[in-house]
Structure formats: C-alpha cells, structure tokens
C-alpha cells in the first residue's frame, strides 16, 4: 500500500465536463486534470425514459470523482492536525485515506 505522501494519482484540480455527441443523441461525462482525461463515464442515449435518470447519476458521479483530489488533501490535512485523536469519525477519516492509498 502506498503511503499518503507517495500517491501516484493524477494531481488535481480535476473538473467534470459533460460531452454531447453528434446530433445531441448521446452523452457521457469526463473528469479532466487540465487536458488529461482521468475518468470517463460510458456513453448514454439521451431522451430514452429511464436513461435520463442514469444520466443525472452519471453527472453526480463525475462531480464526486472530480472532487476526489481536493477531498483527499482535506482529509490528510485534518488527520495531520489531530494525529492522535480517535473516535468513530476519525476512524472513517483513516479508512478513507487508506482506501485512497491502496493499490
């Protein structure tokens, strides 16, 4: 497992961007670090009933993914501020950091 200081992820900031394909019939979402593609959702067909709900979920997931480097940095800063503190909330912080640094 990589330590929090040895992260090999693409540095932030990341941004989520909606991609509309030809004739506006299909859509996907990209998470970018500058011009570098970090994550992309699968393409969905627009305007087909239940798929519009899935598109909204894809958009929310892309936004959450784009926030990951900032949230990770915040968790590390929080933990560094209180390195010896322990309770259920701090356990959750430690578990999130461990999950992010697992490879």
PDB file of N, CA and C in Angstrom:
ATOM      1  N   UNK A   1       0.850  -1.179   0.000  1.00  0.00           N
ATOM      2  CA  UNK A   1       0.000   0.000   0.000  1.00  0.00           C
ATOM      3  C   UNK A   1       0.891   1.236   0.000  1.00  0.00           C
ATOM      4  N   UNK A   2       0.593   2.186  -0.852  1.00  0.00           N
ATOM      5  CA  UNK A   2       1.335   3.441  -0.918  1.00  0.00           C
ATOM      6  C   UNK A   2       0.954   4.307   0.274  1.00  0.00           C
ATOM      7  N   UNK A   3       1.936   5.038   0.783  1.00  0.00           N
ATOM      8  CA  UNK A   3       1.607   5.967   1.864  1.00  0.00           C
ATOM      9  C   UNK A   3       0.907   7.179   1.269  1.00  0.00           C
ATOM     10  N   UNK A   4       0.295   7.963   2.150  1.00  0.00           N
ATOM     11  CA  UNK A   4      -0.428   9.151   1.692  1.00  0.00           C
ATOM     12  C   UNK A   4       0.509  10.126   0.991  1.00  0.00           C
ATOM     13  N   UNK A   5       1.806  10.097   1.345  1.00  0.00           N
ATOM     14  CA  UNK A   5       2.763  11.000   0.711  1.00  0.00           C
ATOM     15  C   UNK A   5       3.297  10.444  -0.603  1.00  0.00           C
ATOM     16  N   UNK A   6       3.014   9.172  -0.916  1.00  0.00           N
ATOM     17  CA  UNK A   6       3.527   8.536  -2.121  1.00  0.00           C
ATOM     18  C   UNK A   6       2.441   8.319  -3.169  1.00  0.00           C
ATOM     19  N   UNK A   7       1.383   9.085  -3.099  1.00  0.00           N
ATOM     20  CA  UNK A   7       0.276   8.893  -4.029  1.00  0.00           C
ATOM     21  C   UNK A   7       0.746   9.034  -5.461  1.00  0.00           C
ATOM     22  N   UNK A   8       0.208   8.162  -6.312  1.00  0.00           N
ATOM     23  CA  UNK A   8       0.584   8.193  -7.711  1.00  0.00           C
ATOM     24  C   UNK A   8      -0.587   8.594  -8.593  1.00  0.00           C
ATOM     25  N   UNK A   9      -1.614   9.181  -8.021  1.00  0.00           N
ATOM     26  CA  UNK A   9      -2.760   9.615  -8.812  1.00  0.00           C
ATOM     27  C   UNK A   9      -2.412  10.877  -9.594  1.00  0.00           C
ATOM     28  N   UNK A  10      -3.213  11.168 -10.566  1.00  0.00           N
ATOM     29  CA  UNK A  10      -3.050  12.388 -11.343  1.00  0.00           C
ATOM     30  C   UNK A  10      -3.332  13.579 -10.431  1.00  0.00           C
ATOM     31  N   UNK A  11      -2.416  14.524 -10.341  1.00  0.00           N
ATOM     32  CA  UNK A  11      -2.649  15.669  -9.456  1.00  0.00           C
ATOM     33  C   UNK A  11      -3.870  16.477  -9.882  1.00  0.00           C
ATOM     34  N   UNK A  12      -4.544  17.065  -8.897  1.00  0.00           N
ATOM     35  CA  UNK A  12      -5.683  17.925  -9.172  1.00  0.00           C
ATOM     36  C   UNK A  12      -5.215  19.306  -9.561  1.00  0.00           C
ATOM     37  N   UNK A  13      -6.098  20.228  -9.811  1.00  0.00           N
ATOM     38  CA  UNK A  13      -7.543  20.016  -9.690  1.00  0.00           C
ATOM     39  C   UNK A  13      -8.113  19.231 -10.868  1.00  0.00           C
ATOM     40  N   UNK A  14      -9.199  18.521 -10.573  1.00  0.00           N
ATOM     41  CA  UNK A  14      -9.949  17.799 -11.595  1.00  0.00           C
ATOM     42  C   UNK A  14     -11.267  18.534 -11.808  1.00  0.00           C
ATOM     43  N   UNK A  15     -11.774  18.483 -13.023  1.00  0.00           N
ATOM     44  CA  UNK A  15     -13.081  19.074 -13.320  1.00  0.00           C
ATOM     45  C   UNK A  15     -13.927  18.067 -14.089  1.00  0.00           C
ATOM     46  N   UNK A  16     -15.232  18.125 -13.860  1.00  0.00           N
ATOM     47  CA  UNK A  16     -16.174  17.266 -14.581  1.00  0.00           C
ATOM     48  C   UNK A  16     -16.732  18.050 -15.761  1.00  0.00           C
ATOM     49  N   UNK A  17     -16.854  17.376 -16.891  1.00  0.00           N
ATOM     50  CA  UNK A  17     -17.332  18.029 -18.107  1.00  0.00           C
ATOM     51  C   UNK A  17     -18.305  17.088 -18.820  1.00  0.00           C
ATOM     52  N   UNK A  18     -19.457  17.633 -19.202  1.00  0.00           N
ATOM     53  CA  UNK A  18     -20.440  16.863 -19.975  1.00  0.00           C
ATOM     54  C   UNK A  18     -20.031  16.885 -21.446  1.00  0.00           C
ATOM     55  N   UNK A  19     -20.072  15.739 -22.092  1.00  0.00           N
ATOM     56  CA  UNK A  19     -19.735  15.620 -23.507  1.00  0.00           C
ATOM     57  C   UNK A  19     -21.008  15.233 -24.256  1.00  0.00           C
ATOM     58  N   UNK A  20     -21.459  16.105 -25.155  1.00  0.00           N
ATOM     59  CA  UNK A  20     -22.608  15.807 -26.015  1.00  0.00           C
ATOM     60  C   UNK A  20     -22.076  15.367 -27.374  1.00  0.00           C
ATOM     61  N   UNK A  21     -22.508  14.210 -27.821  1.00  0.00           N
ATOM     62  CA  UNK A  21     -22.035  13.661 -29.081  1.00  0.00           C
ATOM     63  C   UNK A  21     -22.912  14.123 -30.243  1.00  0.00           C
ATOM     64  N   UNK A  22     -22.538  13.722 -31.436  1.00  0.00           N
ATOM     65  CA  UNK A  22     -23.193  14.145 -32.678  1.00  0.00           C
ATOM     66  C   UNK A  22     -24.710  14.129 -32.558  1.00  0.00           C
ATOM     67  N   UNK A  23     -25.320  15.182 -33.053  1.00  0.00           N
ATOM     68  CA  UNK A  23     -26.769  15.365 -33.095  1.00  0.00           C
ATOM     69  C   UNK A  23     -27.408  15.381 -31.706  1.00  0.00           C
ATOM     70  N   UNK A  24     -26.608  15.427 -30.641  1.00  0.00           N
ATOM     71  CA  UNK A  24     -27.157  15.528 -29.297  1.00  0.00           C
ATOM     72  C   UNK A  24     -27.902  14.302 -28.815  1.00  0.00           C
ATOM     73  N   UNK A  25     -27.634  13.151 -29.438  1.00  0.00           N
ATOM     74  CA  UNK A  25     -28.372  11.936 -29.061  1.00  0.00           C
ATOM     75  C   UNK A  25     -27.691  11.148 -27.950  1.00  0.00           C
ATOM     76  N   UNK A  26     -26.418  11.362 -27.771  1.00  0.00           N
ATOM     77  CA  UNK A  26     -25.662  10.618 -26.775  1.00  0.00           C
ATOM     78  C   UNK A  26     -24.882  11.585 -25.892  1.00  0.00           C
ATOM     79  N   UNK A  27     -24.615  11.148 -24.668  1.00  0.00           N
ATOM     80  CA  UNK A  27     -23.894  11.977 -23.710  1.00  0.00           C
ATOM     81  C   UNK A  27     -23.013  11.079 -22.842  1.00  0.00           C
ATOM     82  N   UNK A  28     -21.874  11.610 -22.427  1.00  0.00           N
ATOM     83  CA  UNK A  28     -21.047  10.981 -21.398  1.00  0.00           C
ATOM     84  C   UNK A  28     -20.426  12.112 -20.580  1.00  0.00           C
ATOM     85  N   UNK A  29     -19.700  11.750 -19.555  1.00  0.00           N
ATOM     86  CA  UNK A  29     -19.052  12.732 -18.696  1.00  0.00           C
ATOM     87  C   UNK A  29     -17.588  12.380 -18.569  1.00  0.00           C
ATOM     88  N   UNK A  30     -16.749  13.394 -18.634  1.00  0.00           N
ATOM     89  CA  UNK A  30     -15.315  13.214 -18.466  1.00  0.00           C
ATOM     90  C   UNK A  30     -14.874  13.946 -17.207  1.00  0.00           C
ATOM     91  N   UNK A  31     -13.889  13.383 -16.550  1.00  0.00           N
ATOM     92  CA  UNK A  31     -13.211  14.068 -15.459  1.00  0.00           C
ATOM     93  C   UNK A  31     -11.803  14.332 -15.972  1.00  0.00           C
ATOM     94  N   UNK A  32     -11.433  15.608 -15.985  1.00  0.00           N
ATOM     95  CA  UNK A  32     -10.171  16.040 -16.579  1.00  0.00           C
ATOM     96  C   UNK A  32      -9.273  16.707 -15.546  1.00  0.00           C
ATOM     97  N   UNK A  33      -7.973  16.486 -15.713  1.00  0.00           N
ATOM     98  CA  UNK A  33      -6.953  17.234 -14.989  1.00  0.00           C
ATOM     99  C   UNK A  33      -6.253  18.058 -16.058  1.00  0.00           C
ATOM    100  N   UNK A  34      -6.658  19.311 -16.179  1.00  0.00           N
ATOM    101  CA  UNK A  34      -6.196  20.114 -17.310  1.00  0.00           C
ATOM    102  C   UNK A  34      -6.773  19.516 -18.585  1.00  0.00           C
ATOM    103  N   UNK A  35      -5.910  19.104 -19.497  1.00  0.00           N
ATOM    104  CA  UNK A  35      -6.371  18.456 -20.725  1.00  0.00           C
ATOM    105  C   UNK A  35      -6.286  16.936 -20.650  1.00  0.00           C
ATOM    106  N   UNK A  36      -5.799  16.413 -19.526  1.00  0.00           N
ATOM    107  CA  UNK A  36      -5.623  14.972 -19.370  1.00  0.00           C
ATOM    108  C   UNK A  36      -6.906  14.307 -18.879  1.00  0.00           C
ATOM    109  N   UNK A  37      -7.348  13.289 -19.606  1.00  0.00           N
ATOM    110  CA  UNK A  37      -8.530  12.527 -19.211  1.00  0.00           C
ATOM    111  C   UNK A  37      -8.173  11.625 -18.038  1.00  0.00           C
ATOM    112  N   UNK A  38      -8.944  11.734 -16.962  1.00  0.00           N
ATOM    113  CA  UNK A  38      -8.731  10.924 -15.773  1.00  0.00           C
ATOM    114  C   UNK A  38      -9.751   9.783 -15.734  1.00  0.00           C
ATOM    115  N   UNK A  39     -11.029  10.123 -15.936  1.00  0.00           N
ATOM    116  CA  UNK A  39     -12.127   9.162 -15.868  1.00  0.00           C
ATOM    117  C   UNK A  39     -13.168   9.571 -16.903  1.00  0.00           C
ATOM    118  N   UNK A  40     -13.839   8.582 -17.492  1.00  0.00           N
ATOM    119  CA  UNK A  40     -14.952   8.879 -18.397  1.00  0.00           C
ATOM    120  C   UNK A  40     -16.065   7.879 -18.135  1.00  0.00           C
ATOM    121  N   UNK A  41     -17.299   8.385 -18.083  1.00  0.00           N
ATOM    122  CA  UNK A  41     -18.448   7.503 -17.941  1.00  0.00           C
ATOM    123  C   UNK A  41     -18.765   6.876 -19.292  1.00  0.00           C
ATOM    124  N   UNK A  42     -19.577   5.837 -19.284  1.00  0.00           N
ATOM    125  CA  UNK A  42     -19.994   5.247 -20.548  1.00  0.00           C
ATOM    126  C   UNK A  42     -20.983   6.180 -21.235  1.00  0.00           C
ATOM    127  N   UNK A  43     -21.091   6.036 -22.551  1.00  0.00           N
ATOM    128  CA  UNK A  43     -21.997   6.886 -23.312  1.00  0.00           C
ATOM    129  C   UNK A  43     -23.434   6.421 -23.086  1.00  0.00           C
ATOM    130  N   UNK A  44     -24.347   7.376 -22.904  1.00  0.00           N
ATOM    131  CA  UNK A  44     -25.775   7.093 -22.713  1.00  0.00           C
ATOM    132  C   UNK A  44     -26.572   7.756 -23.819  1.00  0.00           C
ATOM    133  N   UNK A  45     -27.662   7.144 -24.172  1.00  0.00           N
ATOM    134  CA  UNK A  45     -28.571   7.727 -25.161  1.00  0.00           C
ATOM    135  C   UNK A  45     -29.513   8.689 -24.450  1.00  0.00           C
ATOM    136  N   UNK A  46     -29.598   9.909 -24.930  1.00  0.00           N
ATOM    137  CA  UNK A  46     -30.418  10.956 -24.316  1.00  0.00           C
ATOM    138  C   UNK A  46     -31.877  10.767 -24.712  1.00  0.00           C
ATOM    139  N   UNK A  47     -32.787  11.078 -23.783  1.00  0.00           N
ATOM    140  CA  UNK A  47     -34.207  11.118 -24.092  1.00  0.00           C
ATOM    141  C   UNK A  47     -34.889   9.775 -24.160  1.00  0.00           C
ATOM    142  N   UNK A  48     -34.279   8.751 -23.573  1.00  0.00           N
ATOM    143  CA  UNK A  48     -34.894   7.428 -23.597  1.00  0.00           C
ATOM    144  C   UNK A  48     -35.296   7.063 -22.167  1.00  0.00           C
ATOM    145  N   UNK A  49     -36.423   7.623 -21.731  1.00  0.00           N
ATOM    146  CA  UNK A  49     -37.032   7.289 -20.446  1.00  0.00           C
ATOM    147  C   UNK A  49     -36.065   7.192 -19.288  1.00  0.00           C
ATOM    148  N   UNK A  50     -35.909   5.984 -18.760  1.00  0.00           N
ATOM    149  CA  UNK A  50     -35.113   5.751 -17.563  1.00  0.00           C
ATOM    150  C   UNK A  50     -33.665   6.181 -17.733  1.00  0.00           C
ATOM    151  N   UNK A  51     -33.159   6.257 -18.936  1.00  0.00           N
ATOM    152  CA  UNK A  51     -31.758   6.634 -19.136  1.00  0.00           C
ATOM    153  C   UNK A  51     -31.489   8.071 -18.706  1.00  0.00           C
ATOM    154  N   UNK A  52     -32.498   8.933 -18.753  1.00  0.00           N
ATOM    155  CA  UNK A  52     -32.287  10.299 -18.286  1.00  0.00           C
ATOM    156  C   UNK A  52     -31.952  10.317 -16.797  1.00  0.00           C
ATOM    157  N   UNK A  53     -32.570   9.408 -16.026  1.00  0.00           N
ATOM    158  CA  UNK A  53     -32.220   9.294 -14.611  1.00  0.00           C
ATOM    159  C   UNK A  53     -30.782   8.826 -14.456  1.00  0.00           C
ATOM    160  N   UNK A  54     -30.363   7.888 -15.280  1.00  0.00           N
ATOM    161  CA  UNK A  54     -28.992   7.382 -15.231  1.00  0.00           C
ATOM    162  C   UNK A  54     -28.008   8.494 -15.608  1.00  0.00           C
ATOM    163  N   UNK A  55     -28.368   9.326 -16.579  1.00  0.00           N
ATOM    164  CA  UNK A  55     -27.502  10.447 -16.967  1.00  0.00           C
ATOM    165  C   UNK A  55     -27.292  11.384 -15.784  1.00  0.00           C
ATOM    166  N   UNK A  56     -28.348  11.649 -15.024  1.00  0.00           N
ATOM    167  CA  UNK A  56     -28.214  12.505 -13.841  1.00  0.00           C
ATOM    168  C   UNK A  56     -27.287  11.865 -12.812  1.00  0.00           C
ATOM    169  N   UNK A  57     -27.376  10.557 -12.650  1.00  0.00           N
ATOM    170  CA  UNK A  57     -26.487   9.844 -11.728  1.00  0.00           C
ATOM    171  C   UNK A  57     -25.052   9.908 -12.242  1.00  0.00           C
ATOM    172  N   UNK A  58     -24.844   9.723 -13.552  1.00  0.00           N
ATOM    173  CA  UNK A  58     -23.508   9.835 -14.129  1.00  0.00           C
ATOM    174  C   UNK A  58     -22.916  11.219 -13.871  1.00  0.00           C
ATOM    175  N   UNK A  59     -23.740  12.262 -14.024  1.00  0.00           N
ATOM    176  CA  UNK A  59     -23.270  13.633 -13.791  1.00  0.00           C
ATOM    177  C   UNK A  59     -22.841  13.806 -12.336  1.00  0.00           C
ATOM    178  N   UNK A  60     -23.637  13.303 -11.411  1.00  0.00           N
ATOM    179  CA  UNK A  60     -23.303  13.404  -9.986  1.00  0.00           C
ATOM    180  C   UNK A  60     -22.034  12.610  -9.669  1.00  0.00           C
ATOM    181  N   UNK A  61     -21.894  11.429 -10.252  1.00  0.00           N
ATOM    182  CA  UNK A  61     -20.692  10.621 -10.030  1.00  0.00           C
ATOM    183  C   UNK A  61     -19.448  11.317 -10.574  1.00  0.00           C
ATOM    184  N   UNK A  62     -19.566  11.945 -11.745  1.00  0.00           N
ATOM    185  CA  UNK A  62     -18.432  12.667 -12.320  1.00  0.00           C
ATOM    186  C   UNK A  62     -18.038  13.837 -11.433  1.00  0.00           C
ATOM    187  N   UNK A  63     -19.014  14.553 -10.886  1.00  0.00           N
ATOM    188  CA  UNK A  63     -18.717  15.664  -9.976  1.00  0.00           C
ATOM    189  C   UNK A  63     -18.022  15.177  -8.715  1.00  0.00           C
ATOM    190  N   UNK A  64     -18.487  14.066  -8.175  1.00  0.00           N
ATOM    191  CA  UNK A  64     -17.867  13.485  -6.983  1.00  0.00           C
ATOM    192  C   UNK A  64     -16.436  13.053  -7.282  1.00  0.00           C
ATOM    193  N   UNK A  65     -16.230  12.397  -8.417  1.00  0.00           N
ATOM    194  CA  UNK A  65     -14.879  11.979  -8.798  1.00  0.00           C
ATOM    195  C   UNK A  65     -13.964  13.182  -8.972  1.00  0.00           C
ATOM    196  N   UNK A  66     -14.474  14.249  -9.580  1.00  0.00           N
ATOM    197  CA  UNK A  66     -13.670  15.447  -9.795  1.00  0.00           C
ATOM    198  C   UNK A  66     -13.238  16.079  -8.474  1.00  0.00           C
ATOM    199  N   UNK A  67     -14.023  15.910  -7.428  1.00  0.00           N
ATOM    200  CA  UNK A  67     -13.695  16.472  -6.118  1.00  0.00           C
ATOM    201  C   UNK A  67     -12.710  15.604  -5.335  1.00  0.00           C
ATOM    202  N   UNK A  68     -12.428  14.402  -5.804  1.00  0.00           N
ATOM    203  CA  UNK A  68     -11.603  13.454  -5.054  1.00  0.00           C
ATOM    204  C   UNK A  68     -10.237  13.994  -4.632  1.00  0.00           C
ATOM    205  N   UNK A  69      -9.451  14.612  -5.512  1.00  0.00           N
ATOM    206  CA  UNK A  69      -8.147  15.105  -5.048  1.00  0.00           C
ATOM    207  C   UNK A  69      -8.271  16.157  -3.946  1.00  0.00           C
ATOM    208  N   UNK A  70      -9.266  17.022  -4.044  1.00  0.00           N
ATOM    209  CA  UNK A  70      -9.464  18.047  -3.019  1.00  0.00           C
ATOM    210  C   UNK A  70      -9.901  17.420  -1.696  1.00  0.00           C
ATOM    211  N   UNK A  71     -10.817  16.447  -1.774  1.00  0.00           N
ATOM    212  CA  UNK A  71     -11.276  15.788  -0.547  1.00  0.00           C
ATOM    213  C   UNK A  71     -10.144  15.002   0.095  1.00  0.00           C
ATOM    214  N   UNK A  72      -9.334  14.342  -0.724  1.00  0.00           N
ATOM    215  CA  UNK A  72      -8.206  13.580  -0.192  1.00  0.00           C
ATOM    216  C   UNK A  72      -7.218  14.505   0.517  1.00  0.00           C
ATOM    217  N   UNK A  73      -6.899  15.632  -0.105  1.00  0.00           N
ATOM    218  CA  UNK A  73      -5.987  16.594   0.521  1.00  0.00           C
ATOM    219  C   UNK A  73      -6.570  17.120   1.828  1.00  0.00           C
ATOM    220  N   UNK A  74      -7.872  17.377   1.841  1.00  0.00           N
ATOM    221  CA  UNK A  74      -8.521  17.871   3.061  1.00  0.00           C
ATOM    222  C   UNK A  74      -8.467  16.833   4.172  1.00  0.00           C
ATOM    223  N   UNK A  75      -8.720  15.575   3.842  1.00  0.00           N
ATOM    224  CA  UNK A  75      -8.656  14.524   4.864  1.00  0.00           C
ATOM    225  C   UNK A  75      -7.245  14.388   5.428  1.00  0.00           C
ATOM    226  N   UNK A  76      -6.243  14.449   4.563  1.00  0.00           N
ATOM    227  CA  UNK A  76      -4.857  14.365   5.052  1.00  0.00           C
ATOM    228  C   UNK A  76      -4.545  15.544   5.964  1.00  0.00           C
ATOM    229  N   UNK A  77      -5.014  16.745   5.611  1.00  0.00           N
ATOM    230  CA  UNK A  77      -4.763  17.924   6.442  1.00  0.00           C
ATOM    231  C   UNK A  77      -5.466  17.804   7.792  1.00  0.00           C
ATOM    232  N   UNK A  78      -6.696  17.307   7.768  1.00  0.00           N
ATOM    233  CA  UNK A  78      -7.447  17.101   9.009  1.00  0.00           C
ATOM    234  C   UNK A  78      -6.715  16.112   9.911  1.00  0.00           C
ATOM    235  N   UNK A  79      -6.279  15.008   9.337  1.00  0.00           N
ATOM    236  CA  UNK A  79      -5.595  13.981  10.124  1.00  0.00           C
ATOM    237  C   UNK A  79      -4.271  14.521  10.657  1.00  0.00           C
ATOM    238  N   UNK A  80      -3.545  15.281   9.864  1.00  0.00           N
ATOM    239  CA  UNK A  80      -2.272  15.842  10.313  1.00  0.00           C
ATOM    240  C   UNK A  80      -2.478  16.831  11.456  1.00  0.00           C
ATOM    241  N   UNK A  81      -3.597  17.519  11.455  1.00  0.00           N
ATOM    242  CA  UNK A  81      -3.902  18.488  12.513  1.00  0.00           C
ATOM    243  C   UNK A  81      -4.166  17.797  13.844  1.00  0.00           C
ATOM    244  N   UNK A  82      -4.765  16.622  13.804  1.00  0.00           N
ATOM    245  CA  UNK A  82      -5.100  15.876  15.026  1.00  0.00           C
ATOM    246  C   UNK A  82      -4.618  14.431  14.909  1.00  0.00           C
ATOM    247  N   UNK A  83      -3.292  14.204  14.867  1.00  0.00           N
ATOM    248  CA  UNK A  83      -2.785  12.852  14.586  1.00  0.00           C
ATOM    249  C   UNK A  83      -3.111  11.806  15.646  1.00  0.00           C
ATOM    250  N   UNK A  84      -3.314  12.206  16.898  1.00  0.00           N
ATOM    251  CA  UNK A  84      -3.545  11.235  17.970  1.00  0.00           C
ATOM    252  C   UNK A  84      -5.004  11.118  18.378  1.00  0.00           C
ATOM    253  N   UNK A  85      -5.885  11.854  17.710  1.00  0.00           N
ATOM    254  CA  UNK A  85      -7.301  11.839  18.067  1.00  0.00           C
ATOM    255  C   UNK A  85      -7.947  10.569  17.518  1.00  0.00           C
ATOM    256  N   UNK A  86      -8.858   9.982  18.288  1.00  0.00           N
ATOM    257  CA  UNK A  86      -9.518   8.756  17.839  1.00  0.00           C
ATOM    258  C   UNK A  86     -10.966   8.726  18.303  1.00  0.00           C
ATOM    259  N   UNK A  87     -11.848   8.400  17.395  1.00  0.00           N
ATOM    260  CA  UNK A  87     -13.243   8.075  17.649  1.00  0.00           C
ATOM    261  C   UNK A  87     -13.810   7.582  16.318  1.00  0.00           C
ATOM    262  N   UNK A  88     -15.084   7.354  16.262  1.00  0.00           N
ATOM    263  CA  UNK A  88     -15.690   6.795  15.053  1.00  0.00           C
ATOM    264  C   UNK A  88     -15.477   7.682  13.833  1.00  0.00           C
ATOM    265  N   UNK A  89     -15.612   8.991  13.995  1.00  0.00           N
ATOM    266  CA  UNK A  89     -15.416   9.896  12.860  1.00  0.00           C
ATOM    267  C   UNK A  89     -13.973   9.845  12.369  1.00  0.00           C
ATOM    268  N   UNK A  90     -13.022   9.814  13.303  1.00  0.00           N
ATOM    269  CA  UNK A  90     -11.611   9.745  12.907  1.00  0.00           C
ATOM    270  C   UNK A  90     -11.299   8.402  12.266  1.00  0.00           C
ATOM    271  N   UNK A  91     -11.956   7.342  12.743  1.00  0.00           N
ATOM    272  CA  UNK A  91     -11.782   6.031  12.091  1.00  0.00           C
ATOM    273  C   UNK A  91     -12.223   6.112  10.635  1.00  0.00           C
ATOM    274  N   UNK A  92     -13.320   6.822  10.371  1.00  0.00           N
ATOM    275  CA  UNK A  92     -13.814   6.979   8.999  1.00  0.00           C
ATOM    276  C   UNK A  92     -12.806   7.762   8.152  1.00  0.00           C
ATOM    277  N   UNK A  93     -12.188   8.788   8.723  1.00  0.00           N
ATOM    278  CA  UNK A  93     -11.154   9.547   8.018  1.00  0.00           C
ATOM    279  C   UNK A  93      -9.989   8.625   7.667  1.00  0.00           C
ATOM    280  N   UNK A  94      -9.524   7.852   8.650  1.00  0.00           N
ATOM    281  CA  UNK A  94      -8.414   6.932   8.414  1.00  0.00           C
ATOM    282  C   UNK A  94      -8.742   5.883   7.368  1.00  0.00           C
ATOM    283  N   UNK A  95      -9.977   5.361   7.410  1.00  0.00           N
ATOM    284  CA  UNK A  95     -10.393   4.355   6.428  1.00  0.00           C
ATOM    285  C   UNK A  95     -10.451   4.947   5.018  1.00  0.00           C
ATOM    286  N   UNK A  96     -10.917   6.184   4.900  1.00  0.00           N
ATOM    287  CA  UNK A  96     -10.987   6.835   3.580  1.00  0.00           C
ATOM    288  C   UNK A  96      -9.589   7.070   3.034  1.00  0.00           C
ATOM    289  N   UNK A  97      -8.669   7.510   3.876  1.00  0.00           N
ATOM    290  CA  UNK A  97      -7.285   7.719   3.440  1.00  0.00           C
ATOM    291  C   UNK A  97      -6.664   6.389   3.019  1.00  0.00           C
ATOM    292  N   UNK A  98      -6.898   5.341   3.802  1.00  0.00           N
ATOM    293  CA  UNK A  98      -6.358   4.023   3.457  1.00  0.00           C
ATOM    294  C   UNK A  98      -6.928   3.509   2.131  1.00  0.00           C
ATOM    295  N   UNK A  99      -8.205   3.730   1.924  1.00  0.00           N
ATOM    296  CA  UNK A  99      -8.833   3.296   0.676  1.00  0.00           C
ATOM    297  C   UNK A  99      -8.236   4.041  -0.518  1.00  0.00           C
ATOM    298  N   UNK A 100      -7.993   5.331  -0.334  1.00  0.00           N
ATOM    299  CA  UNK A 100      -7.433   6.146  -1.419  1.00  0.00           C
ATOM    300  C   UNK A 100      -5.978   5.794  -1.727  1.00  0.00           C
ATOM    301  N   UNK A 101      -5.261   5.275  -0.745  1.00  0.00           N
ATOM    302  CA  UNK A 101      -3.845   4.975  -0.950  1.00  0.00           C
ATOM    303  C   UNK A 101      -3.585   3.514  -1.263  1.00  0.00           C
ATOM    304  N   UNK A 102      -4.619   2.688  -1.266  1.00  0.00           N
ATOM    305  CA  UNK A 102      -4.450   1.267  -1.601  1.00  0.00           C
ATOM    306  C   UNK A 102      -4.142   1.144  -3.087  1.00  0.00           C
ATOM    307  N   UNK A 103      -3.307   0.181  -3.417  1.00  0.00           N
ATOM    308  CA  UNK A 103      -3.051  -0.030  -4.849  1.00  0.00           C
ATOM    309  C   UNK A 103      -3.071  -1.496  -5.184  1.00  0.00           C
TER     310      UNK A 103
END
